[in-house]
Amino acid sequence: NGWEVPLEDEDGNEYGELKIIWGDDDDKFDPIRQVRDFTVAMDLEIHDEGDGSMNSSSSSSDLQSVKEVVPMRLFTFQEIDALSRIAGFEVAGLYGALSDEIDVNSEDMAFRLVCVLRR
């Protein structure tokens, strides 16, 4: 549920890292409203110029860490299909990731529902 993004300057030198957390095991889910309260956290770590180590508090005026809980409505395929038809669209494709090579039914690779609609 998390990943790390290296930060590089214009010359390609790594100067830090952004750590992102999307969701927590303790996040609450309301099955009636189909809303999950997702925990989203981002931590920015900057290399100390002297020794190359990471520092999460390089400047007191910079925001180095943020954590929020945001509500996210989860939709089923049937709901997306019905809403798209009402709006004059049809489902042209279903994928399990942001790649057209990941089948929506792939137990190993699919981690989200991506619907492609057309008018």
C-alpha atoms as a PDB file:
ATOM      1  CA  ASN A   1       0.000   0.000   0.000  1.00  0.00           C
ATOM      2  CA  GLY A   2       3.008   2.282  -0.273  1.00  0.00           C
ATOM      3  CA  TRP A   3       5.775   3.220  -2.628  1.00  0.00           C
ATOM      4  CA  GLU A   4       8.845   5.445  -2.773  1.00  0.00           C
ATOM      5  CA  VAL A   5       9.682   8.035  -5.425  1.00  0.00           C
ATOM      6  CA  PRO A   6      13.305   9.160  -5.779  1.00  0.00           C
ATOM      7  CA  LEU A   7      13.730  12.909  -6.268  1.00  0.00           C
ATOM      8  CA  GLU A   8      16.334  14.080  -8.786  1.00  0.00           C
ATOM      9  CA  ASP A   9      17.652  17.492  -9.785  1.00  0.00           C
ATOM     10  CA  GLU A  10      18.065  18.705 -13.375  1.00  0.00           C
ATOM     11  CA  ASP A  11      21.381  16.819 -13.665  1.00  0.00           C
ATOM     12  CA  GLY A  12      19.878  13.501 -12.547  1.00  0.00           C
ATOM     13  CA  ASN A  13      21.456  13.574  -9.099  1.00  0.00           C
ATOM     14  CA  GLU A  14      19.255  12.098  -6.408  1.00  0.00           C
ATOM     15  CA  TYR A  15      18.665  14.569  -3.589  1.00  0.00           C
ATOM     16  CA  GLY A  16      15.803  12.982  -1.692  1.00  0.00           C
ATOM     17  CA  GLU A  17      12.852  10.668  -1.614  1.00  0.00           C
ATOM     18  CA  LEU A  18       9.068  10.964  -1.333  1.00  0.00           C
ATOM     19  CA  LYS A  19       7.401   8.090   0.523  1.00  0.00           C
ATOM     20  CA  ILE A  20       3.680   7.633  -0.135  1.00  0.00           C
ATOM     21  CA  ILE A  21       1.251   5.492   1.859  1.00  0.00           C
ATOM     22  CA  TRP A  22      -2.201   4.844   0.366  1.00  0.00           C
ATOM     23  CA  GLY A  23      -4.532   3.113   2.790  1.00  0.00           C
ATOM     24  CA  ASP A  24      -4.067   1.529   6.187  1.00  0.00           C
ATOM     25  CA  ASP A  25      -5.238  -1.778   7.621  1.00  0.00           C
ATOM     26  CA  ASP A  26      -7.252   0.143  10.230  1.00  0.00           C
ATOM     27  CA  ASP A  27      -9.172   2.289   7.693  1.00  0.00           C
ATOM     28  CA  LYS A  28     -12.920   2.218   8.309  1.00  0.00           C
ATOM     29  CA  PHE A  29     -15.389   1.059   5.634  1.00  0.00           C
ATOM     30  CA  ASP A  30     -19.112   1.876   5.622  1.00  0.00           C
ATOM     31  CA  PRO A  31     -20.792  -0.931   3.610  1.00  0.00           C
ATOM     32  CA  ILE A  32     -24.116   0.931   3.356  1.00  0.00           C
ATOM     33  CA  ARG A  33     -22.648   4.078   1.770  1.00  0.00           C
ATOM     34  CA  GLN A  34     -19.722   2.134   0.191  1.00  0.00           C
ATOM     35  CA  VAL A  35     -17.276   4.719   1.523  1.00  0.00           C
ATOM     36  CA  ARG A  36     -13.824   3.873   2.798  1.00  0.00           C
ATOM     37  CA  ASP A  37     -11.935   6.418   4.880  1.00  0.00           C
ATOM     38  CA  PHE A  38      -8.491   6.113   3.283  1.00  0.00           C
ATOM     39  CA  THR A  39      -5.385   7.103   5.195  1.00  0.00           C
ATOM     40  CA  VAL A  40      -3.037   8.975   2.857  1.00  0.00           C
ATOM     41  CA  ALA A  41       0.436   9.921   4.072  1.00  0.00           C
ATOM     42  CA  MET A  42       3.446  11.503   2.382  1.00  0.00           C
ATOM     43  CA  ASP A  43       6.894  11.897   3.903  1.00  0.00           C
ATOM     44  CA  LEU A  44       9.601  13.945   2.214  1.00  0.00           C
ATOM     45  CA  GLU A  45      13.200  13.082   3.021  1.00  0.00           C
ATOM     46  CA  ILE A  46      16.061  15.239   1.748  1.00  0.00           C
ATOM     47  CA  HIS A  47      19.714  14.110   1.630  1.00  0.00           C
ATOM     48  CA  ASP A  48      22.052  16.020   3.916  1.00  0.00           C
ATOM     49  CA  GLU A  49      24.548  17.673   1.617  1.00  0.00           C
ATOM     50  CA  GLY A  50      27.540  16.790   3.784  1.00  0.00           C
ATOM     51  CA  ASP A  51      27.275  13.027   4.221  1.00  0.00           C
ATOM     52  CA  GLY A  52      24.495  11.891   1.855  1.00  0.00           C
ATOM     53  CA  SER A  53      22.259  10.699   4.693  1.00  0.00           C
ATOM     54  CA  MET A  54      18.536  11.325   4.713  1.00  0.00           C
ATOM     55  CA  ASN A  55      17.011  14.147   6.752  1.00  0.00           C
ATOM     56  CA  SER A  56      13.278  14.528   7.248  1.00  0.00           C
ATOM     57  CA  SER A  57      13.536  18.006   8.765  1.00  0.00           C
ATOM     58  CA  SER A  58      15.856  19.996   6.503  1.00  0.00           C
ATOM     59  CA  SER A  59      13.993  23.272   7.037  1.00  0.00           C
ATOM     60  CA  SER A  60      11.508  24.247   9.692  1.00  0.00           C
ATOM     61  CA  SER A  61       9.501  26.290   7.162  1.00  0.00           C
ATOM     62  CA  ASP A  62       9.099  23.393   4.678  1.00  0.00           C
ATOM     63  CA  LEU A  63       6.277  20.890   5.048  1.00  0.00           C
ATOM     64  CA  GLN A  64       8.057  17.553   5.387  1.00  0.00           C
ATOM     65  CA  SER A  65       5.237  15.192   6.350  1.00  0.00           C
ATOM     66  CA  VAL A  66       1.482  15.122   5.900  1.00  0.00           C
ATOM     67  CA  LYS A  67      -1.126  12.548   6.873  1.00  0.00           C
ATOM     68  CA  GLU A  68      -4.856  12.840   6.224  1.00  0.00           C
ATOM     69  CA  VAL A  69      -7.880  10.581   6.200  1.00  0.00           C
ATOM     70  CA  VAL A  70      -9.989  11.113   3.084  1.00  0.00           C
ATOM     71  CA  PRO A  71     -13.340   9.509   2.244  1.00  0.00           C
ATOM     72  CA  MET A  72     -13.431   7.593  -1.037  1.00  0.00           C
ATOM     73  CA  ARG A  73     -16.594   6.178  -2.576  1.00  0.00           C
ATOM     74  CA  LEU A  74     -16.114   2.689  -4.002  1.00  0.00           C
ATOM     75  CA  PHE A  75     -18.166   1.810  -7.079  1.00  0.00           C
ATOM     76  CA  THR A  76     -18.981  -1.652  -8.395  1.00  0.00           C
ATOM     77  CA  PHE A  77     -18.804  -2.441 -12.096  1.00  0.00           C
ATOM     78  CA  GLN A  78     -22.589  -2.731 -12.207  1.00  0.00           C
ATOM     79  CA  GLU A  79     -22.951   0.826 -10.855  1.00  0.00           C
ATOM     80  CA  ILE A  80     -20.412   2.216 -13.326  1.00  0.00           C
ATOM     81  CA  ASP A  81     -22.146   0.390 -16.198  1.00  0.00           C
ATOM     82  CA  ALA A  82     -25.604   1.721 -15.194  1.00  0.00           C
ATOM     83  CA  LEU A  83     -24.381   5.304 -14.707  1.00  0.00           C
ATOM     84  CA  SER A  84     -22.497   5.281 -18.005  1.00  0.00           C
ATOM     85  CA  ARG A  85     -25.574   4.026 -19.911  1.00  0.00           C
ATOM     86  CA  ILE A  86     -27.741   6.741 -18.355  1.00  0.00           C
ATOM     87  CA  ALA A  87     -25.183   9.317 -19.514  1.00  0.00           C
ATOM     88  CA  GLY A  88     -25.135   7.900 -23.058  1.00  0.00           C
ATOM     89  CA  PHE A  89     -21.905   5.901 -22.838  1.00  0.00           C
ATOM     90  CA  GLU A  90     -21.062   2.233 -23.093  1.00  0.00           C
ATOM     91  CA  VAL A  91     -18.242   0.274 -21.508  1.00  0.00           C
ATOM     92  CA  ALA A  92     -15.605  -0.307 -24.194  1.00  0.00           C
ATOM     93  CA  GLY A  93     -13.048  -2.083 -22.010  1.00  0.00           C
ATOM     94  CA  LEU A  94     -12.184  -3.200 -18.500  1.00  0.00           C
ATOM     95  CA  TYR A  95      -8.636  -3.420 -17.172  1.00  0.00           C
ATOM     96  CA  GLY A  96      -7.000  -4.305 -13.881  1.00  0.00           C
ATOM     97  CA  ALA A  97      -4.443  -1.460 -13.986  1.00  0.00           C
ATOM     98  CA  LEU A  98      -3.524   1.585 -16.061  1.00  0.00           C
ATOM     99  CA  SER A  99      -2.229  -0.739 -18.771  1.00  0.00           C
ATOM    100  CA  ASP A 100      -4.360  -2.375 -21.431  1.00  0.00           C
ATOM    101  CA  GLU A 101      -2.255  -5.525 -20.983  1.00  0.00           C
ATOM    102  CA  ILE A 102      -3.537  -6.205 -17.431  1.00  0.00           C
ATOM    103  CA  ASP A 103      -6.758  -8.210 -17.527  1.00  0.00           C
ATOM    104  CA  VAL A 104      -9.339  -7.182 -14.953  1.00  0.00           C
ATOM    105  CA  ASN A 105      -9.644 -10.825 -13.830  1.00  0.00           C
ATOM    106  CA  SER A 106      -5.904 -11.349 -13.259  1.00  0.00           C
ATOM    107  CA  GLU A 107      -5.525 -12.385  -9.617  1.00  0.00           C
ATOM    108  CA  ASP A 108      -1.796 -11.612  -9.644  1.00  0.00           C
ATOM    109  CA  MET A 109      -1.649  -8.329 -11.579  1.00  0.00           C
ATOM    110  CA  ALA A 110      -5.035  -6.558 -11.277  1.00  0.00           C
ATOM    111  CA  PHE A 111      -5.168  -4.131  -8.377  1.00  0.00           C
ATOM    112  CA  ARG A 112      -7.849  -1.661  -9.546  1.00  0.00           C
ATOM    113  CA  LEU A 113     -10.814  -1.433 -11.890  1.00  0.00           C
ATOM    114  CA  VAL A 114     -10.181   0.790 -14.906  1.00  0.00           C
ATOM    115  CA  CYS A 115     -13.219   1.309 -17.128  1.00  0.00           C
ATOM    116  CA  VAL A 116     -12.870   2.727 -20.632  1.00  0.00           C
ATOM    117  CA  LEU A 117     -16.123   4.322 -21.832  1.00  0.00           C
ATOM    118  CA  ARG A 118     -17.183   5.509 -25.302  1.00  0.00           C
ATOM    119  CA  ARG A 119     -20.149   7.438 -26.557  1.00  0.00           C
END
